[in-house]
């Protein structure tokens, strides 16, 4: 049985804010810790099979009993919703603002 999770932890330049984002080091880096934007590149985590490549912008926060706080993203290009747990170095001011927004 193939895993639906491919661990990829790599540096990148955020296409939204332009900052250099370093590897996470303990899991996979999925989004920019400075602006929380991501790129729609995966169908399943880490597979890089999605053809859309739109900007995944943060629209809210939810609490998950297994993962803790999770960022909810919406793709500006295709409208799909994606989710990813917050990272230790994410900007907590943005997390707090997102948590007060209704989805």
C-alpha atoms as a PDB file:
ATOM      1  CA  UNK A   1       0.000   0.000   0.000  1.00  0.00           C
ATOM      2  CA  UNK A   2       1.390   3.390  -1.005  1.00  0.00           C
ATOM      3  CA  UNK A   3       1.603   6.140   1.587  1.00  0.00           C
ATOM      4  CA  UNK A   4      -0.404   9.304   0.973  1.00  0.00           C
ATOM      5  CA  UNK A   5       2.337  11.335   2.673  1.00  0.00           C
ATOM      6  CA  UNK A   6       5.745  12.030   1.163  1.00  0.00           C
ATOM      7  CA  UNK A   7       8.088  13.845   3.520  1.00  0.00           C
ATOM      8  CA  UNK A   8       9.711  16.797   1.759  1.00  0.00           C
ATOM      9  CA  UNK A   9      11.389  19.453   3.894  1.00  0.00           C
ATOM     10  CA  UNK A  10      13.065  21.990   1.658  1.00  0.00           C
ATOM     11  CA  UNK A  11      13.978  25.678   1.587  1.00  0.00           C
ATOM     12  CA  UNK A  12      12.076  28.011  -0.719  1.00  0.00           C
ATOM     13  CA  UNK A  13      11.435  31.671  -1.483  1.00  0.00           C
ATOM     14  CA  UNK A  14       7.850  32.608  -0.634  1.00  0.00           C
ATOM     15  CA  UNK A  15       6.055  33.767  -3.766  1.00  0.00           C
ATOM     16  CA  UNK A  16       3.738  35.943  -1.664  1.00  0.00           C
ATOM     17  CA  UNK A  17       6.107  37.907   0.602  1.00  0.00           C
ATOM     18  CA  UNK A  18       9.484  37.155  -1.044  1.00  0.00           C
ATOM     19  CA  UNK A  19      11.207  35.964   2.142  1.00  0.00           C
ATOM     20  CA  UNK A  20      13.591  33.029   2.231  1.00  0.00           C
ATOM     21  CA  UNK A  21      12.006  30.151   4.166  1.00  0.00           C
ATOM     22  CA  UNK A  22      14.333  27.611   5.751  1.00  0.00           C
ATOM     23  CA  UNK A  23      13.695  23.914   6.279  1.00  0.00           C
ATOM     24  CA  UNK A  24      11.428  23.098   9.194  1.00  0.00           C
ATOM     25  CA  UNK A  25      13.761  20.424  10.535  1.00  0.00           C
ATOM     26  CA  UNK A  26      11.248  18.234  12.364  1.00  0.00           C
ATOM     27  CA  UNK A  27       8.611  17.626   9.673  1.00  0.00           C
ATOM     28  CA  UNK A  28       7.734  18.971   6.234  1.00  0.00           C
ATOM     29  CA  UNK A  29       7.707  22.688   5.505  1.00  0.00           C
ATOM     30  CA  UNK A  30       4.331  23.379   3.906  1.00  0.00           C
ATOM     31  CA  UNK A  31       3.883  27.147   4.104  1.00  0.00           C
ATOM     32  CA  UNK A  32       5.687  30.407   4.784  1.00  0.00           C
ATOM     33  CA  UNK A  33       6.018  31.125   8.525  1.00  0.00           C
ATOM     34  CA  UNK A  34       6.062  34.899   7.858  1.00  0.00           C
ATOM     35  CA  UNK A  35       2.822  35.343   5.875  1.00  0.00           C
ATOM     36  CA  UNK A  36       1.367  31.792   6.127  1.00  0.00           C
ATOM     37  CA  UNK A  37       0.835  31.504   2.364  1.00  0.00           C
ATOM     38  CA  UNK A  38       1.538  28.253   0.553  1.00  0.00           C
ATOM     39  CA  UNK A  39       1.551  27.015  -3.036  1.00  0.00           C
ATOM     40  CA  UNK A  40      -0.964  24.531  -4.424  1.00  0.00           C
ATOM     41  CA  UNK A  41       1.502  21.855  -5.595  1.00  0.00           C
ATOM     42  CA  UNK A  42       0.314  18.655  -3.861  1.00  0.00           C
ATOM     43  CA  UNK A  43      -2.663  16.366  -4.329  1.00  0.00           C
ATOM     44  CA  UNK A  44      -1.492  14.284  -1.361  1.00  0.00           C
ATOM     45  CA  UNK A  45       1.089  15.816   1.023  1.00  0.00           C
ATOM     46  CA  UNK A  46       4.519  15.956  -0.616  1.00  0.00           C
ATOM     47  CA  UNK A  47       3.624  14.298  -3.924  1.00  0.00           C
ATOM     48  CA  UNK A  48       4.055  17.476  -6.041  1.00  0.00           C
ATOM     49  CA  UNK A  49       1.423  16.112  -8.471  1.00  0.00           C
ATOM     50  CA  UNK A  50      -1.020  19.070  -8.452  1.00  0.00           C
ATOM     51  CA  UNK A  51      -0.989  21.039 -11.712  1.00  0.00           C
ATOM     52  CA  UNK A  52      -2.753  24.158 -10.355  1.00  0.00           C
ATOM     53  CA  UNK A  53       0.212  25.931  -8.653  1.00  0.00           C
ATOM     54  CA  UNK A  54      -2.043  28.720  -7.388  1.00  0.00           C
ATOM     55  CA  UNK A  55      -1.479  30.719  -4.196  1.00  0.00           C
ATOM     56  CA  UNK A  56      -2.945  29.018  -1.132  1.00  0.00           C
ATOM     57  CA  UNK A  57      -3.854  31.890   1.148  1.00  0.00           C
ATOM     58  CA  UNK A  58      -4.819  31.433   4.806  1.00  0.00           C
ATOM     59  CA  UNK A  59      -8.520  31.929   5.526  1.00  0.00           C
ATOM     60  CA  UNK A  60      -8.881  30.554   9.039  1.00  0.00           C
ATOM     61  CA  UNK A  61      -7.756  28.317  11.880  1.00  0.00           C
ATOM     62  CA  UNK A  62      -9.375  25.203  13.312  1.00  0.00           C
ATOM     63  CA  UNK A  63      -8.499  22.930  16.199  1.00  0.00           C
ATOM     64  CA  UNK A  64      -7.888  19.271  15.486  1.00  0.00           C
ATOM     65  CA  UNK A  65      -7.659  16.772  18.350  1.00  0.00           C
ATOM     66  CA  UNK A  66      -4.726  14.942  16.701  1.00  0.00           C
ATOM     67  CA  UNK A  67      -2.846  17.821  15.053  1.00  0.00           C
ATOM     68  CA  UNK A  68      -3.610  20.784  17.312  1.00  0.00           C
ATOM     69  CA  UNK A  69      -4.101  24.078  15.476  1.00  0.00           C
ATOM     70  CA  UNK A  70      -4.555  23.752  11.731  1.00  0.00           C
ATOM     71  CA  UNK A  71      -4.409  26.514   9.107  1.00  0.00           C
ATOM     72  CA  UNK A  72      -7.186  26.439   6.512  1.00  0.00           C
ATOM     73  CA  UNK A  73      -6.057  27.606   3.061  1.00  0.00           C
ATOM     74  CA  UNK A  74      -8.041  28.475  -0.052  1.00  0.00           C
ATOM     75  CA  UNK A  75      -6.482  28.407  -3.499  1.00  0.00           C
ATOM     76  CA  UNK A  76      -6.844  31.723  -5.304  1.00  0.00           C
ATOM     77  CA  UNK A  77      -6.734  29.963  -8.672  1.00  0.00           C
ATOM     78  CA  UNK A  78      -9.019  26.912  -8.363  1.00  0.00           C
ATOM     79  CA  UNK A  79     -10.838  27.554  -5.069  1.00  0.00           C
ATOM     80  CA  UNK A  80      -9.887  24.251  -3.395  1.00  0.00           C
ATOM     81  CA  UNK A  81      -9.549  24.166   0.380  1.00  0.00           C
ATOM     82  CA  UNK A  82      -6.417  22.645   1.938  1.00  0.00           C
ATOM     83  CA  UNK A  83      -5.334  22.294   5.574  1.00  0.00           C
ATOM     84  CA  UNK A  84      -1.999  22.037   7.352  1.00  0.00           C
ATOM     85  CA  UNK A  85      -0.962  22.120  10.990  1.00  0.00           C
ATOM     86  CA  UNK A  86       0.831  25.216  12.217  1.00  0.00           C
ATOM     87  CA  UNK A  87       4.608  25.139  12.586  1.00  0.00           C
ATOM     88  CA  UNK A  88       6.541  26.176  15.702  1.00  0.00           C
ATOM     89  CA  UNK A  89       7.949  29.249  13.935  1.00  0.00           C
ATOM     90  CA  UNK A  90       4.713  30.548  12.367  1.00  0.00           C
ATOM     91  CA  UNK A  91       3.850  34.212  12.995  1.00  0.00           C
ATOM     92  CA  UNK A  92       1.542  33.974  16.013  1.00  0.00           C
ATOM     93  CA  UNK A  93       0.077  37.445  15.404  1.00  0.00           C
ATOM     94  CA  UNK A  94      -1.307  36.212  12.070  1.00  0.00           C
ATOM     95  CA  UNK A  95      -2.487  32.952  13.677  1.00  0.00           C
ATOM     96  CA  UNK A  96      -4.381  34.936  16.338  1.00  0.00           C
ATOM     97  CA  UNK A  97      -5.991  37.220  13.721  1.00  0.00           C
ATOM     98  CA  UNK A  98      -7.046  34.193  11.653  1.00  0.00           C
ATOM     99  CA  UNK A  99      -8.512  32.444  14.688  1.00  0.00           C
ATOM    100  CA  UNK A 100     -10.954  35.304  15.229  1.00  0.00           C
ATOM    101  CA  UNK A 101     -12.262  35.238  11.641  1.00  0.00           C
ATOM    102  CA  UNK A 102     -15.364  33.237  10.802  1.00  0.00           C
ATOM    103  CA  UNK A 103     -14.777  30.837   7.926  1.00  0.00           C
END
